[in-house]
N, C-alpha and C. Protein backbone atom coordinates (compact mmCIF):
# COMPACT_ATOMS: atom_id res chain seq x y z
N UNK A 1 0.65 -0.94 0.15
CA UNK A 1 -0.02 -0.08 0.21
C UNK A 1 0.97 1.18 -0.15
N UNK A 2 0.46 2.31 -0.56
CA UNK A 2 1.47 3.52 -0.76
C UNK A 2 0.46 4.50 -0.24
N UNK A 3 1.03 5.79 0.14
CA UNK A 3 0.14 7.04 0.70
C UNK A 3 0.97 7.97 -0.30
N UNK A 4 0.63 8.75 -1.34
CA UNK A 4 1.20 9.77 -2.17
C UNK A 4 1.15 10.98 -1.36
N UNK A 5 2.14 11.54 -1.24
CA UNK A 5 2.08 12.91 -1.04
C UNK A 5 1.59 13.15 0.43
N UNK A 6 2.55 12.34 1.55
CA UNK A 6 2.01 12.41 2.62
C UNK A 6 1.82 13.90 3.18
N UNK A 7 0.62 13.87 4.30
CA UNK A 7 0.65 15.00 4.87
C UNK A 7 0.58 14.82 6.29
N UNK A 8 0.69 16.00 7.20
CA UNK A 8 0.68 15.58 8.65
C UNK A 8 -0.64 14.69 8.96
N UNK A 9 -1.65 15.18 8.54
CA UNK A 9 -2.88 14.42 8.88
C UNK A 9 -2.83 12.67 8.70
N UNK A 10 -1.96 12.06 7.59
CA UNK A 10 -1.63 10.74 7.46
C UNK A 10 -1.02 9.91 8.70
N UNK A 11 -0.62 10.98 9.55
CA UNK A 11 0.19 10.27 10.44
C UNK A 11 -1.03 9.20 11.46
N UNK A 12 0.07 8.07 12.05
CA UNK A 12 -1.13 7.52 12.79
C UNK A 12 -0.58 6.05 12.68
N UNK A 13 -1.22 5.07 13.50
CA UNK A 13 -1.28 3.76 13.26
C UNK A 13 -1.43 3.23 12.09
N UNK A 14 -1.05 2.24 11.30
CA UNK A 14 -1.80 1.55 10.29
C UNK A 14 -1.32 0.01 10.28
N UNK A 15 -2.33 -0.71 10.18
CA UNK A 15 -2.50 -2.04 10.17
C UNK A 15 -2.83 -2.66 8.81
N UNK A 16 -2.61 -3.95 8.98
CA UNK A 16 -3.00 -5.08 7.91
C UNK A 16 -3.53 -6.07 8.57
N UNK A 17 -4.72 -6.73 8.10
CA UNK A 17 -5.29 -7.89 8.92
C UNK A 17 -5.78 -8.86 7.78
N UNK A 18 -5.22 -10.10 7.88
CA UNK A 18 -5.59 -11.14 6.99
C UNK A 18 -6.12 -12.21 7.69
N UNK A 19 -7.56 -12.23 6.98
CA UNK A 19 -8.47 -13.69 7.37
C UNK A 19 -8.81 -14.35 6.38
N UNK A 20 -9.01 -16.00 6.96
CA UNK A 20 -9.33 -16.77 6.04
C UNK A 20 -10.32 -17.67 7.00
N UNK A 21 -10.81 -18.73 6.57
CA UNK A 21 -11.65 -19.80 7.49
C UNK A 21 -10.91 -20.34 8.52
N UNK A 22 -9.34 -20.19 8.17
CA UNK A 22 -8.71 -21.09 9.37
C UNK A 22 -8.28 -19.94 10.72
N UNK A 23 -8.30 -18.95 10.40
CA UNK A 23 -7.94 -17.94 11.32
C UNK A 23 -7.19 -16.65 10.96
N UNK A 24 -7.04 -15.66 11.94
CA UNK A 24 -6.38 -14.39 11.12
C UNK A 24 -5.02 -14.03 11.87
N UNK A 25 -4.31 -12.90 11.07
CA UNK A 25 -3.23 -12.35 11.71
C UNK A 25 -3.56 -10.91 11.43
N UNK A 26 -2.56 -10.00 12.17
CA UNK A 26 -2.47 -8.62 12.12
C UNK A 26 -0.88 -8.26 12.22
N UNK A 27 -0.65 -6.96 11.48
CA UNK A 27 0.82 -6.55 11.38
C UNK A 27 0.57 -5.15 11.56
N UNK A 28 0.91 -4.13 12.46
CA UNK A 28 0.53 -2.74 12.61
C UNK A 28 2.23 -1.86 12.85
N UNK A 29 2.01 -0.91 12.41
CA UNK A 29 3.47 0.20 12.21
C UNK A 29 2.64 1.43 13.07
N UNK A 30 3.69 2.44 12.97
CA UNK A 30 3.33 3.77 13.55
C UNK A 30 3.92 4.66 12.25
N UNK A 31 3.06 5.74 11.82
CA UNK A 31 3.93 6.30 10.65
C UNK A 31 3.74 7.84 11.36
N UNK A 32 4.94 8.49 11.32
CA UNK A 32 4.88 10.17 11.66
C UNK A 32 5.48 10.88 10.60
N UNK A 33 4.47 11.73 10.28
CA UNK A 33 4.92 12.70 9.25
C UNK A 33 5.50 13.97 9.52
N UNK A 34 6.77 14.48 8.82
CA UNK A 34 7.47 15.72 9.58
C UNK A 34 6.88 16.82 8.60
N UNK A 35 5.91 17.92 9.36
CA UNK A 35 5.61 18.71 8.66
C UNK A 35 6.74 19.61 7.88
N UNK A 36 6.34 20.01 6.69
CA UNK A 36 7.13 20.92 5.92
C UNK A 36 7.11 22.76 6.74
N UNK A 37 8.34 23.36 6.78
CA UNK A 37 7.99 24.68 7.13
C UNK A 37 7.80 25.72 6.08
N UNK A 38 7.01 26.44 6.24
CA UNK A 38 6.75 27.58 5.28
C UNK A 38 6.25 27.06 3.97
N UNK A 39 5.48 26.11 3.83
CA UNK A 39 4.91 25.51 2.68
C UNK A 39 4.16 26.79 1.91
N UNK A 40 4.41 26.90 0.87
CA UNK A 40 3.67 27.69 -0.14
C UNK A 40 2.69 27.29 -0.85
N UNK A 41 1.10 27.48 -0.71
CA UNK A 41 0.29 26.96 -0.81
C UNK A 41 -0.48 27.30 -2.35
N UNK A 42 -0.12 28.54 -2.63
CA UNK A 42 -0.74 29.17 -4.14
C UNK A 42 0.22 28.33 -5.02
N UNK A 43 -0.49 28.26 -6.38
CA UNK A 43 0.44 27.65 -7.19
C UNK A 43 1.46 28.81 -8.03
N UNK A 44 2.61 28.44 -7.74
CA UNK A 44 3.65 29.10 -8.53
C UNK A 44 3.50 29.33 -10.15
N UNK A 45 3.15 27.76 -10.44
CA UNK A 45 2.85 27.90 -12.18
C UNK A 45 1.77 27.02 -12.50
N UNK A 46 0.53 28.20 -12.70
CA UNK A 46 -0.68 27.32 -12.77
C UNK A 46 -1.04 26.57 -13.69
N UNK A 47 -0.05 26.65 -14.85
CA UNK A 47 -0.10 25.66 -15.91
C UNK A 47 0.26 24.60 -15.95
N UNK A 48 1.14 23.94 -14.87
CA UNK A 48 1.83 22.89 -14.45
C UNK A 48 0.52 21.80 -13.88
N UNK A 49 -0.61 22.50 -13.81
CA UNK A 49 -1.57 21.44 -13.27
C UNK A 49 -1.92 20.51 -14.55
N UNK A 50 -1.78 20.67 -15.47
CA UNK A 50 -2.07 19.58 -16.62
C UNK A 50 -0.74 18.76 -16.35
N UNK A 51 0.21 18.99 -16.37
CA UNK A 51 0.96 18.02 -16.05
C UNK A 51 0.77 17.06 -14.64
N UNK A 52 0.67 17.84 -13.68
CA UNK A 52 -0.13 17.47 -12.42
C UNK A 52 -0.96 16.01 -12.62
N UNK A 53 -2.08 16.55 -13.62
CA UNK A 53 -3.36 15.44 -13.78
C UNK A 53 -2.96 14.54 -14.53
N UNK A 54 -1.86 14.76 -15.25
CA UNK A 54 -1.27 13.54 -16.06
C UNK A 54 -0.63 12.32 -15.56
N UNK A 55 0.14 13.08 -14.36
CA UNK A 55 0.78 12.02 -13.54
C UNK A 55 0.01 11.75 -12.46
N UNK A 56 -0.94 11.96 -12.13
CA UNK A 56 -2.10 11.37 -11.30
C UNK A 56 -2.61 10.33 -11.68
N UNK A 57 -3.01 10.37 -13.41
CA UNK A 57 -3.80 9.54 -13.82
C UNK A 57 -2.95 8.47 -14.00
N UNK A 58 -1.40 8.30 -13.98
CA UNK A 58 -1.09 7.10 -14.35
C UNK A 58 -1.00 5.92 -13.27
N UNK A 59 -1.04 4.71 -13.78
CA UNK A 59 -0.96 3.72 -12.89
C UNK A 59 -0.01 3.26 -11.88
N UNK A 60 -0.20 3.13 -10.68
CA UNK A 60 1.01 3.25 -9.75
C UNK A 60 1.72 1.65 -9.82
N UNK A 61 3.01 1.87 -9.66
CA UNK A 61 3.73 0.42 -9.86
C UNK A 61 3.41 -0.41 -9.31
N UNK A 62 3.18 -1.70 -9.84
CA UNK A 62 2.66 -3.20 -9.41
C UNK A 62 3.78 -4.14 -9.55
N UNK A 63 3.78 -4.90 -8.37
CA UNK A 63 4.90 -5.87 -8.33
C UNK A 63 4.48 -6.90 -9.40
N UNK A 64 5.63 -7.41 -10.20
CA UNK A 64 5.16 -8.47 -10.91
C UNK A 64 4.64 -9.78 -10.34
N UNK A 65 3.82 -10.34 -10.92
CA UNK A 65 3.24 -11.48 -10.34
C UNK A 65 4.24 -12.74 -10.45
N UNK A 66 4.40 -13.30 -9.40
CA UNK A 66 5.08 -14.43 -9.48
C UNK A 66 4.33 -15.70 -8.80
N UNK A 67 3.94 -16.90 -9.53
CA UNK A 67 3.64 -17.75 -9.19
C UNK A 67 4.10 -18.84 -8.05
N UNK A 68 3.14 -18.57 -7.14
CA UNK A 68 3.69 -19.58 -5.89
C UNK A 68 2.75 -20.68 -5.58
N UNK A 69 3.13 -21.81 -5.11
CA UNK A 69 2.17 -22.80 -4.76
C UNK A 69 0.98 -22.33 -3.72
N UNK A 70 -0.01 -23.13 -4.06
CA UNK A 70 -1.15 -22.85 -3.30
C UNK A 70 -1.18 -23.81 -1.98
N UNK A 71 -1.41 -23.08 -0.85
CA UNK A 71 -1.23 -23.69 0.56
C UNK A 71 -2.77 -23.71 1.55
N UNK A 72 -3.13 -24.20 2.13
CA UNK A 72 -4.49 -24.22 3.14
C UNK A 72 -4.07 -24.37 4.27
N UNK A 73 -4.03 -22.97 5.15
CA UNK A 73 -3.61 -23.08 6.42
C UNK A 73 -3.94 -21.58 6.96
N UNK A 74 -3.89 -21.00 8.36
CA UNK A 74 -4.21 -20.01 8.81
C UNK A 74 -3.24 -18.96 8.47
N UNK A 75 -3.81 -17.52 8.09
CA UNK A 75 -2.56 -16.55 7.77
C UNK A 75 -1.71 -16.51 8.72
N UNK A 76 -0.26 -16.05 8.01
CA UNK A 76 0.90 -15.89 9.03
C UNK A 76 1.60 -14.65 8.13
N UNK A 77 1.93 -13.65 8.82
CA UNK A 77 2.74 -12.59 8.04
C UNK A 77 4.36 -13.42 8.01
N UNK A 78 4.83 -13.80 6.84
CA UNK A 78 6.01 -13.95 6.73
C UNK A 78 6.91 -12.61 6.50
N UNK A 79 6.95 -11.47 6.52
CA UNK A 79 7.37 -10.34 6.42
C UNK A 79 6.23 -9.41 7.02
N UNK A 80 6.52 -8.81 8.36
CA UNK A 80 5.31 -8.06 8.90
C UNK A 80 5.72 -6.59 8.38
N UNK A 81 4.81 -5.67 8.63
CA UNK A 81 5.09 -4.34 8.18
C UNK A 81 6.20 -3.47 9.08
N UNK A 82 6.92 -2.87 8.49
CA UNK A 82 8.02 -1.95 8.87
C UNK A 82 7.68 -0.61 9.30
N UNK A 83 8.12 -0.34 10.64
CA UNK A 83 7.84 1.05 10.92
C UNK A 83 8.34 2.14 9.78
N UNK A 84 7.96 3.35 9.59
CA UNK A 84 8.29 4.34 8.96
C UNK A 84 8.15 5.23 9.93
N UNK A 85 9.52 5.47 11.07
CA UNK A 85 9.84 6.49 11.78
C UNK A 85 9.06 8.24 11.57
N UNK A 86 10.09 8.43 10.57
CA UNK A 86 9.70 9.94 10.10
C UNK A 86 9.61 9.80 8.56
N UNK A 87 8.74 10.16 7.80
CA UNK A 87 8.61 10.77 6.21
C UNK A 87 8.29 12.47 6.24
N UNK A 88 9.20 13.11 5.74
CA UNK A 88 8.98 14.00 5.37
C UNK A 88 7.47 14.50 4.60
N UNK A 89 6.58 15.45 4.75
CA UNK A 89 5.80 16.12 4.27
C UNK A 89 5.60 16.06 2.73
N UNK A 90 4.71 15.40 1.49
CA UNK A 90 4.73 15.60 0.67
C UNK A 90 5.58 14.24 0.12
N UNK A 91 6.08 13.32 0.47
CA UNK A 91 6.71 12.27 -0.08
C UNK A 91 5.75 11.18 -0.05
N UNK A 92 6.39 9.92 -0.50
CA UNK A 92 5.34 8.90 -0.70
C UNK A 92 5.61 7.93 0.30
N UNK A 93 4.74 7.54 1.27
CA UNK A 93 4.90 6.45 2.23
C UNK A 93 4.79 5.13 1.58
N UNK A 94 5.42 3.67 1.56
CA UNK A 94 5.15 2.41 0.97
C UNK A 94 5.16 1.68 2.29
N UNK A 95 3.75 0.87 2.46
CA UNK A 95 3.89 0.12 3.34
C UNK A 95 4.00 -1.71 2.42
N UNK A 96 4.69 -2.43 3.26
CA UNK A 96 4.65 -3.64 2.39
C UNK A 96 4.75 -4.69 3.53
N UNK A 97 4.11 -5.65 3.26
CA UNK A 97 4.08 -7.03 4.13
C UNK A 97 4.03 -8.34 2.99
N UNK A 98 4.58 -9.38 3.70
CA UNK A 98 4.08 -10.70 2.68
C UNK A 98 3.30 -11.49 4.15
N UNK A 99 2.65 -12.74 3.27
CA UNK A 99 1.85 -13.48 4.01
C UNK A 99 1.35 -14.80 3.40
N UNK A 100 1.44 -15.55 4.14
CA UNK A 100 0.83 -16.80 3.81
C UNK A 100 -0.14 -17.30 4.11
N UNK A 101 -1.25 -17.92 3.51
CA UNK A 101 -1.09 -18.77 2.55
C UNK A 101 -1.32 -17.85 1.21
N UNK A 102 -0.82 -18.41 0.31
CA UNK A 102 -0.79 -17.95 -1.20
C UNK A 102 -1.49 -18.67 -2.01
N UNK A 103 -2.48 -18.06 -2.70
CA UNK A 103 -3.61 -18.92 -3.48
C UNK A 103 -4.85 -19.05 -2.81
N UNK A 104 -4.91 -18.68 -1.68
CA UNK A 104 -6.15 -18.96 -0.55
C UNK A 104 -7.37 -18.01 -1.43
N UNK A 105 -8.09 -18.69 -2.12
CA UNK A 105 -9.62 -17.79 -2.69
C UNK A 105 -10.34 -17.03 -1.34
N UNK A 106 -10.05 -17.76 -0.15
CA UNK A 106 -10.79 -17.49 1.04
C UNK A 106 -10.13 -16.22 1.82
N UNK A 107 -8.85 -16.07 1.42
CA UNK A 107 -8.00 -14.86 2.21
C UNK A 107 -8.35 -13.61 1.79
N UNK A 108 -8.70 -13.02 3.03
CA UNK A 108 -9.30 -11.80 3.00
C UNK A 108 -8.33 -10.71 3.52
N UNK A 109 -7.71 -9.45 2.92
CA UNK A 109 -6.76 -8.62 3.49
C UNK A 109 -7.33 -7.27 3.32
N UNK A 110 -7.28 -6.79 4.83
CA UNK A 110 -8.03 -5.38 4.89
C UNK A 110 -6.98 -4.61 5.49
N UNK A 111 -6.60 -3.08 5.24
CA UNK A 111 -6.13 -1.78 5.45
C UNK A 111 -6.54 -1.25 6.83
N UNK A 112 -6.07 -0.74 7.42
CA UNK A 112 -6.72 0.19 8.80
C UNK A 112 -5.49 1.61 8.80
N UNK A 113 -6.46 2.63 9.43
CA UNK A 113 -5.44 3.47 9.94
C UNK A 113 -6.37 4.11 11.05
N UNK A 114 -5.83 3.87 12.42
CA UNK A 114 -6.02 4.25 13.64
C UNK A 114 -7.37 3.45 13.61
N UNK A 115 -7.42 2.06 13.44
CA UNK A 115 -8.14 1.06 13.39
C UNK A 115 -9.52 1.09 12.67
N UNK A 116 -9.66 2.58 11.80
CA UNK A 116 -10.39 2.29 10.65
C UNK A 116 -10.29 2.14 9.43
N UNK A 117 -10.88 1.21 8.72
CA UNK A 117 -10.43 0.75 7.38
C UNK A 117 -10.47 1.75 6.57
N UNK A 118 -9.75 1.69 5.65
CA UNK A 118 -8.85 2.18 4.50
C UNK A 118 -9.87 2.17 3.28
N UNK A 119 -10.36 3.25 2.80
CA UNK A 119 -10.96 2.91 1.31
C UNK A 119 -9.89 3.40 0.18
N UNK A 120 -10.00 2.57 -0.68
CA UNK A 120 -8.80 2.69 -1.88
C UNK A 120 -9.23 4.15 -2.76
N UNK A 121 -8.34 4.90 -2.74
CA UNK A 121 -8.57 6.08 -3.55
C UNK A 121 -7.23 6.26 -4.14
N UNK A 122 -7.15 7.82 -4.85
CA UNK A 122 -5.92 8.24 -5.67
C UNK A 122 -4.80 8.45 -4.49
N UNK A 123 -4.74 8.40 -3.26
CA UNK A 123 -4.06 8.56 -2.11
C UNK A 123 -3.54 7.45 -1.64
N UNK A 124 -4.18 6.15 -1.42
CA UNK A 124 -4.12 5.22 -0.82
C UNK A 124 -4.10 4.08 -1.99
C-alpha cells in the first residue's frame, strides 16, 4: 500500500489484517509525518496543473506476479510491516508485507488507519 504525498494528517497507526476460514493475523506500524516549514500553498505555475493531472492519472507501480504454490492454513505474516519513523510531508510512504497462505480464494486482506478501514483512493 502506498500513501502518495503524505501530509501530517496521514500520521497514525496503520495495520493490515489477513483473514481466512482457519484464522487471522494482524501486523501494525506507526507512521510519523514531519511537516515542512513555510509551505507555499498558492500555485507558482498554474499551467503545471495539466502535467500534475497527467502524472496522477498514471497507474501506480505494481509488483510483478510470481506464481507460488497454493497452501491451506491460517494466515501468517512472513514479512510484517516495518515502522516508518519519519517521512517528510509531500513524500510517498510505502507499506509492504508478505503473508501465507498463497492462492487461498477465501483469504481477505484489510488495511486500517487508527483502527478505521482504509478505502482505496488516488492517495491510498
